[in-house]
Amino acid sequence: MPDLLARVAIIVTPREPFLKWIRNDLGGKEPFAADEEDERRTIYLLPPFTVTADTFPFVRTHSEEIFALELSQWNEDKRRWPKDRSYSMLTEWFEIEVTSMVWDLAKEPLRYL
């Protein structure tokens, strides 16, 4: 039987402003092929919250870190990053979905890279 992790997950999906920033950084090229739609999303594991609404204050507190992780996947030169990396800008550039159902189907223990 799979284990239910004692974590909440957020799924961060780029919106058009972020894709536009990437295109600009890539000289106008499309960052994803049509068959790479799933490559756009990033999943972050958060502490467990009993109420989904409690997740967003945590995301707000960590918004600059989340934003930096998303930007650094495309360009590690922080000078090229947008100056505004606020929670408001994060939610403008990314859709954030929350799920409290995180199942571990793997037999191997979790490990960190």
Protein backbone atom coordinates (compact mmCIF):
# COMPACT_ATOMS: atom_id res chain seq x y z
CA MET A 1 0.00 0.00 0.00
CA PRO A 2 1.43 3.44 -0.92
CA ASP A 3 2.24 5.92 1.82
CA LEU A 4 0.47 9.25 2.15
CA LEU A 5 3.19 11.82 2.77
CA ALA A 6 2.77 14.27 5.61
CA ARG A 7 3.26 17.15 3.18
CA VAL A 8 1.29 19.61 1.12
CA ALA A 9 2.44 20.16 -2.45
CA ILE A 10 2.18 23.24 -4.60
CA ILE A 11 2.32 22.91 -8.37
CA VAL A 12 3.84 26.00 -9.97
CA THR A 13 3.00 26.49 -13.65
CA PRO A 14 4.40 29.39 -15.72
CA ARG A 15 2.00 31.95 -17.12
CA GLU A 16 2.56 34.11 -20.17
CA PRO A 17 4.66 36.85 -18.45
CA PHE A 18 7.26 34.26 -17.39
CA LEU A 19 7.23 32.59 -20.81
CA LYS A 20 7.71 36.02 -22.39
CA TRP A 21 10.72 36.63 -20.11
CA ILE A 22 12.20 33.26 -21.16
CA ARG A 23 11.59 33.97 -24.87
CA ASN A 24 13.35 37.30 -24.48
CA ASP A 25 16.26 35.58 -22.75
CA LEU A 26 16.41 32.94 -25.51
CA GLY A 27 16.41 35.53 -28.29
CA GLY A 28 12.77 34.96 -29.24
CA LYS A 29 12.83 31.15 -29.36
CA GLU A 30 10.02 29.13 -27.82
CA PRO A 31 11.20 27.58 -24.55
CA PHE A 32 9.04 24.45 -24.84
CA ALA A 33 8.04 22.21 -27.71
CA ALA A 34 4.33 21.36 -27.94
CA ASP A 35 4.99 17.90 -26.52
CA GLU A 36 6.83 19.32 -23.49
CA GLU A 37 3.83 20.86 -21.75
CA ASP A 38 4.48 18.80 -18.61
CA GLU A 39 8.03 20.15 -18.40
CA ARG A 40 6.66 23.56 -17.49
CA ARG A 41 5.50 22.63 -14.00
CA THR A 42 7.49 22.45 -10.79
CA ILE A 43 6.30 20.77 -7.61
CA TYR A 44 7.34 22.01 -4.19
CA LEU A 45 6.73 20.08 -0.99
CA LEU A 46 5.62 22.15 1.97
CA PRO A 47 4.93 21.36 5.61
CA PRO A 48 1.56 19.76 6.25
CA PHE A 49 -1.31 22.19 6.80
CA THR A 50 -4.71 21.13 8.07
CA VAL A 51 -6.50 23.76 5.99
CA THR A 52 -5.50 24.47 2.38
CA ALA A 53 -5.95 28.22 2.94
CA ASP A 54 -3.05 28.08 5.44
CA THR A 55 -0.72 27.17 2.59
CA PHE A 56 -0.75 30.62 0.99
CA PRO A 57 0.79 32.54 3.91
CA PHE A 58 3.68 30.03 3.78
CA VAL A 59 4.01 30.53 0.00
CA ARG A 60 3.90 34.31 0.51
CA THR A 61 6.75 34.06 3.06
CA HIS A 62 8.81 31.92 0.66
CA SER A 63 7.78 33.66 -2.56
CA GLU A 64 11.17 35.20 -3.32
CA GLU A 65 12.87 31.81 -2.86
CA ILE A 66 10.32 30.09 -5.14
CA PHE A 67 10.67 32.87 -7.71
CA ALA A 68 14.49 32.57 -7.61
CA LEU A 69 14.33 28.80 -8.12
CA GLU A 70 12.06 29.22 -11.14
CA LEU A 71 14.24 31.94 -12.68
CA SER A 72 17.50 30.08 -12.04
CA GLN A 73 16.27 27.13 -14.09
CA TRP A 74 16.55 29.40 -17.14
CA ASN A 75 19.23 31.91 -16.26
CA GLU A 76 21.53 31.88 -13.25
CA ASP A 77 22.67 35.47 -13.87
CA LYS A 78 20.70 37.33 -11.21
CA ARG A 79 21.42 40.64 -12.94
CA ARG A 80 19.06 39.54 -15.72
CA TRP A 81 16.25 38.64 -13.35
CA PRO A 82 13.31 41.00 -12.84
CA LYS A 83 13.89 43.33 -9.88
CA ASP A 84 10.37 42.74 -8.56
CA ARG A 85 10.18 39.20 -7.21
CA SER A 86 7.33 39.83 -4.81
CA TYR A 87 4.45 37.50 -4.01
CA SER A 88 2.22 39.64 -6.22
CA MET A 89 4.61 39.24 -9.16
CA LEU A 90 4.98 35.51 -8.44
CA THR A 91 1.23 35.00 -8.73
CA GLU A 92 1.16 37.14 -11.88
CA TRP A 93 3.92 35.07 -13.51
CA PHE A 94 2.86 31.64 -12.17
CA GLU A 95 -0.28 29.72 -11.41
CA ILE A 96 -0.04 28.07 -7.99
CA GLU A 97 -2.16 25.02 -7.26
CA VAL A 98 -2.31 23.28 -3.89
CA THR A 99 -2.85 19.61 -3.11
CA SER A 100 -2.73 17.91 0.26
CA MET A 101 -2.90 14.43 -1.24
CA VAL A 102 0.73 13.46 -1.87
CA TRP A 103 1.16 9.72 -2.27
CA ASP A 104 4.51 7.96 -2.41
CA LEU A 105 4.24 5.02 -4.84
CA ALA A 106 7.97 4.27 -4.84
CA LYS A 107 9.41 1.48 -2.74
CA GLU A 108 12.72 3.29 -2.22
CA PRO A 109 13.03 5.81 0.61
CA LEU A 110 12.99 9.49 -0.31
CA ARG A 111 16.42 10.95 -0.96
CA TYR A 112 17.65 14.45 -1.60
CA LEU A 113 19.81 15.41 -4.56
